[in-house]
Protein backbone atom coordinates (compact mmCIF):
# COMPACT_ATOMS: atom_id res chain seq x y z
CA MET A 1 -1.17 18.86 -15.36
CA LEU A 2 0.32 21.23 -12.78
CA HIS A 3 -0.72 21.51 -9.15
CA VAL A 4 0.24 24.30 -6.77
CA LEU A 5 2.33 22.97 -3.90
CA PRO A 6 1.20 24.38 -0.54
CA ASN A 7 3.85 26.30 1.37
CA ASN A 8 3.85 23.80 4.24
CA VAL A 9 4.66 20.81 2.00
CA PRO A 10 8.44 20.38 1.46
CA LEU A 11 9.81 19.13 -1.85
CA SER A 12 10.89 15.87 -0.20
CA ALA A 13 7.23 15.23 0.60
CA ALA A 14 6.07 16.35 -2.81
CA ALA A 15 8.16 13.59 -4.35
CA LEU A 16 5.76 11.09 -2.75
CA ILE A 17 2.52 12.69 -3.93
CA GLU A 18 2.30 10.66 -7.15
CA PRO A 19 2.49 7.20 -5.53
CA LEU A 20 0.26 8.38 -2.68
CA ALA A 21 -2.30 9.39 -5.30
CA THR A 22 -2.22 5.83 -6.63
CA ALA A 23 -2.92 4.51 -3.13
CA HIS A 24 -5.66 7.09 -2.55
CA HIS A 25 -7.33 6.05 -5.81
CA ALA A 26 -7.16 2.40 -4.73
CA VAL A 27 -8.83 3.18 -1.41
CA LYS A 28 -11.68 4.94 -3.21
CA ALA A 29 -12.05 2.01 -5.60
CA ALA A 30 -13.52 -0.13 -2.80
CA ARG A 31 -16.56 2.16 -2.78
CA ILE A 32 -16.91 2.17 0.99
CA ALA A 33 -18.98 5.07 2.33
CA ASP A 34 -18.00 4.72 6.00
CA TRP A 35 -14.66 3.16 6.91
CA ALA A 36 -15.13 3.36 10.68
CA ASP A 37 -15.79 -0.34 11.33
CA ILE A 38 -14.14 -1.84 8.24
CA ASN A 39 -11.40 -4.49 8.60
CA VAL A 40 -8.79 -4.47 5.85
CA LEU A 41 -6.13 -6.90 4.66
CA ILE A 42 -3.29 -5.66 2.43
CA ILE A 43 -1.34 -8.33 0.59
CA GLY A 44 2.13 -7.09 -0.28
CA GLY A 45 4.00 -4.62 1.90
CA GLY A 46 6.08 -2.93 -0.79
CA PRO A 47 5.85 0.79 -1.63
CA VAL A 48 2.28 0.62 -2.98
CA GLY A 49 1.13 -1.58 -0.10
CA VAL A 50 2.54 0.75 2.55
CA MET A 51 1.10 3.81 0.84
CA THR A 52 -2.27 2.12 0.61
CA LEU A 53 -2.05 1.56 4.37
CA LEU A 54 -1.33 5.26 4.95
CA ALA A 55 -4.21 6.23 2.65
CA LEU A 56 -6.55 3.92 4.58
CA ARG A 57 -5.46 5.42 7.89
CA ALA A 58 -6.17 8.85 6.42
CA GLN A 59 -9.75 7.68 5.86
CA GLY A 60 -10.07 6.55 9.46
CA VAL A 61 -9.62 2.78 9.08
CA LYS A 62 -8.83 1.36 12.49
CA LYS A 63 -7.89 -2.26 11.83
CA ILE A 64 -5.38 -3.08 9.07
CA ILE A 65 -3.60 -6.40 8.57
CA VAL A 66 -0.66 -6.76 6.18
CA SER A 67 0.79 -9.92 4.66
CA GLU A 68 4.42 -9.43 3.64
CA GLN A 69 7.17 -11.95 3.01
CA THR A 70 10.35 -9.92 3.55
CA LEU A 71 11.71 -9.32 7.06
CA ALA A 72 12.87 -5.72 6.53
CA ARG A 73 9.46 -4.64 5.31
CA ARG A 74 7.65 -6.51 8.07
CA GLU A 75 9.76 -4.65 10.62
CA LEU A 76 8.83 -1.31 9.03
CA LEU A 77 5.16 -2.25 8.79
CA SER A 78 5.01 -3.22 12.45
CA GLY A 79 4.90 0.49 13.25
CA PHE A 80 1.91 1.09 10.98
CA ALA A 81 -0.28 -2.02 10.84
CA ASP A 82 -2.28 -3.72 13.59
CA LEU A 83 -0.99 -7.13 12.53
CA VAL A 84 1.83 -8.12 10.16
CA ILE A 85 1.87 -11.69 8.85
CA ASN A 86 4.66 -13.71 7.28
CA PRO A 87 2.82 -15.70 4.57
CA PHE A 88 5.67 -18.19 4.28
CA GLU A 89 5.44 -19.25 7.91
CA GLU A 90 1.94 -18.30 9.06
CA ASP A 91 -1.63 -19.05 8.02
CA VAL A 92 -2.90 -15.75 6.61
CA PRO A 93 -6.65 -16.62 6.40
CA LYS A 94 -6.65 -18.13 9.91
CA LEU A 95 -4.89 -15.17 11.50
CA CYS A 96 -7.20 -12.75 9.69
CA GLU A 97 -10.20 -14.67 10.97
CA ASP A 98 -8.86 -14.63 14.53
CA HIS A 99 -8.11 -10.91 14.32
CA THR A 100 -11.54 -9.92 12.98
CA GLY A 101 -13.85 -11.75 15.36
CA GLY A 102 -14.20 -14.82 13.16
CA VAL A 103 -15.56 -13.09 10.03
CA GLY A 104 -12.50 -12.12 7.96
CA PRO A 105 -11.55 -8.81 6.34
CA ASP A 106 -14.25 -6.71 4.70
CA VAL A 107 -11.82 -5.46 2.05
CA VAL A 108 -8.61 -6.97 0.67
CA TYR A 109 -6.09 -4.93 -1.33
CA ASP A 110 -3.87 -7.04 -3.56
CA CYS A 111 -0.60 -5.15 -3.97
CA ALA A 112 1.45 -8.24 -4.88
CA GLY A 113 -0.06 -9.60 -8.09
CA ILE A 114 0.99 -13.24 -7.87
CA PRO A 115 -1.12 -16.44 -7.81
CA GLN A 116 -0.47 -17.03 -4.12
CA SER A 117 -1.72 -13.53 -3.26
CA ILE A 118 -5.16 -13.91 -4.79
CA GLU A 119 -5.58 -17.40 -3.38
CA SER A 120 -4.75 -16.09 0.08
CA ALA A 121 -7.01 -13.07 -0.40
CA PHE A 122 -10.05 -15.07 -1.43
CA LYS A 123 -9.64 -17.55 1.42
CA ALA A 124 -9.27 -14.74 3.96
CA ILE A 125 -12.00 -12.35 2.82
CA ARG A 126 -15.40 -12.41 4.48
CA VAL A 127 -18.61 -13.44 2.73
CA GLY A 128 -19.78 -10.51 0.63
CA GLY A 129 -16.36 -8.86 0.88
CA THR A 130 -14.57 -6.67 -1.64
CA HIS A 131 -11.29 -7.41 -3.41
CA VAL A 132 -9.40 -4.46 -4.91
CA ASN A 133 -6.63 -5.32 -7.34
CA VAL A 134 -3.90 -2.69 -7.25
CA ALA A 135 -1.01 -4.78 -8.53
CA VAL A 136 0.05 -5.10 -12.16
CA TRP A 137 0.18 -8.79 -12.98
CA GLU A 138 3.01 -10.22 -15.09
CA LYS A 139 0.84 -13.22 -15.96
CA PRO A 140 -2.94 -13.58 -16.43
CA MET A 141 -4.92 -13.59 -13.18
CA VAL A 142 -6.64 -16.89 -12.37
CA LEU A 143 -9.59 -16.52 -10.00
CA PRO A 144 -10.22 -19.09 -7.26
CA MET A 145 -13.74 -19.64 -8.57
CA TRP A 146 -15.22 -21.62 -5.67
CA ASP A 147 -14.37 -18.92 -3.12
CA PHE A 148 -15.38 -16.25 -5.62
CA LEU A 149 -18.82 -17.78 -6.08
CA PHE A 150 -19.60 -19.09 -2.62
CA LYS A 151 -18.47 -15.92 -0.86
CA ASP A 152 -20.14 -13.60 -3.37
CA ILE A 153 -16.96 -11.52 -3.65
CA SER A 154 -16.89 -8.21 -5.52
CA ILE A 155 -13.74 -7.33 -7.48
CA HIS A 156 -12.71 -3.79 -8.34
CA PRO A 157 -9.61 -2.71 -10.27
CA ALA A 158 -7.55 0.33 -9.30
CA LEU A 159 -5.09 1.67 -11.87
CA ALA A 160 -2.97 4.72 -11.08
CA TYR A 161 -5.01 7.88 -10.36
CA ASN A 162 -6.87 10.76 -11.94
CA ASP A 163 -6.58 14.52 -11.62
CA GLN A 164 -9.04 14.69 -8.73
CA ASP A 165 -7.11 12.03 -6.78
CA PHE A 166 -3.90 14.00 -7.24
CA SER A 167 -5.49 17.26 -6.07
CA GLU A 168 -7.02 15.56 -3.05
CA VAL A 169 -3.69 14.06 -2.01
CA VAL A 170 -1.95 17.44 -2.27
CA GLN A 171 -4.59 18.88 0.06
CA MET A 172 -4.48 15.89 2.44
CA LEU A 173 -0.68 16.06 2.64
CA SER A 174 -0.91 19.76 3.45
CA GLU A 175 -3.40 18.93 6.23
CA GLY A 176 -1.07 16.31 7.73
CA LYS A 177 -3.34 13.33 7.11
CA PHE A 178 -0.64 10.90 5.94
CA HIS A 179 0.97 10.18 9.28
CA GLY A 180 4.45 8.68 9.02
CA TYR A 181 4.81 9.18 5.26
CA GLU A 182 8.40 10.35 5.70
CA LYS A 183 9.41 6.80 6.72
CA LEU A 184 8.67 5.66 3.18
CA VAL A 185 11.99 7.18 2.10
CA SER A 186 14.52 4.52 3.03
CA THR A 187 17.55 6.31 1.54
CA LYS A 188 18.52 9.74 0.24
CA ILE A 189 21.16 9.98 -2.50
CA SER A 190 22.65 12.63 -4.75
CA LEU A 191 21.97 12.77 -8.47
CA GLU A 192 25.60 11.82 -9.10
CA ASP A 193 25.02 8.47 -7.34
CA LEU A 194 21.77 7.70 -9.16
CA VAL A 195 23.05 4.67 -11.09
CA GLU A 196 25.08 2.89 -8.41
CA LYS A 197 23.10 3.76 -5.28
CA GLY A 198 19.74 4.13 -7.01
CA PHE A 199 19.02 1.87 -9.98
CA GLU A 200 21.57 -0.83 -9.21
CA GLU A 201 20.63 -0.87 -5.54
CA LEU A 202 16.99 -1.44 -6.42
CA ILE A 203 17.91 -4.18 -8.88
CA HIS A 204 20.09 -6.11 -6.46
CA ASN A 205 18.68 -5.17 -3.06
CA LYS A 206 15.12 -3.94 -3.63
CA ASP A 207 13.62 -5.61 -0.55
CA ALA A 208 15.69 -3.33 1.69
CA HIS A 209 14.02 -0.21 0.29
CA LEU A 210 10.66 1.42 -0.22
CA LYS A 211 11.60 4.69 -1.90
CA ILE A 212 15.01 6.17 -2.67
CA LEU A 213 14.91 9.96 -2.80
CA VAL A 214 17.25 11.58 -5.33
CA THR A 215 18.28 15.22 -5.12
CA PRO A 216 20.61 17.32 -7.33
CA LYS A 217 21.61 19.33 -4.28
CA LEU A 218 24.31 17.65 -2.21
CA ASP A 219 23.91 20.10 0.67
CA SER A 220 20.26 19.10 1.14
CA LEU A 221 21.34 15.58 2.09
CA ARG A 222 23.07 16.89 5.19
CA LYS A 223 19.92 18.57 6.55
């Protein structure tokens, strides 16, 4: 269960390896051999959604669209994605169609896990496209059957990661393939502030954060 951390990977980066491994596993779940000309839609721009975006970029994906409802996350995503859509105010399937030459995304990653997300995904995805479910659903998933059938959509699940995924991410991080990963840490706090500035902050103000990094060393926060 232990992996050697390369000398060029700081501990602050190592703290992100586990969620990056989840995203890396999700990317592989689509079973795409060559990502060069693949258009991707990510629904949900939270921590898993952003990490999935970074994992896709590491595979060479050139066009990535993200649908995210919160303003703070859309602003962050604007520096990573080719197009960021507000699903409350904009037509996600229409904008995806316009942005992909009229065909729609080849692959959709559902990182939201709500009824509206899968409805939007199935309307946006191209005929013969692939849907990868990364989110954990609080309620049973209901498939939009007409789109599912008429578009001949393939669905693949992606849960967490395995040992190979973890090892690959350690190597990829050492090689600098996750560009901009450091921006995933929205706040750094000391261990003494874990409850108030960590848990309570995520309970009451979670949309303002992606990852909060906790350290037992106060001096490290000043570096």
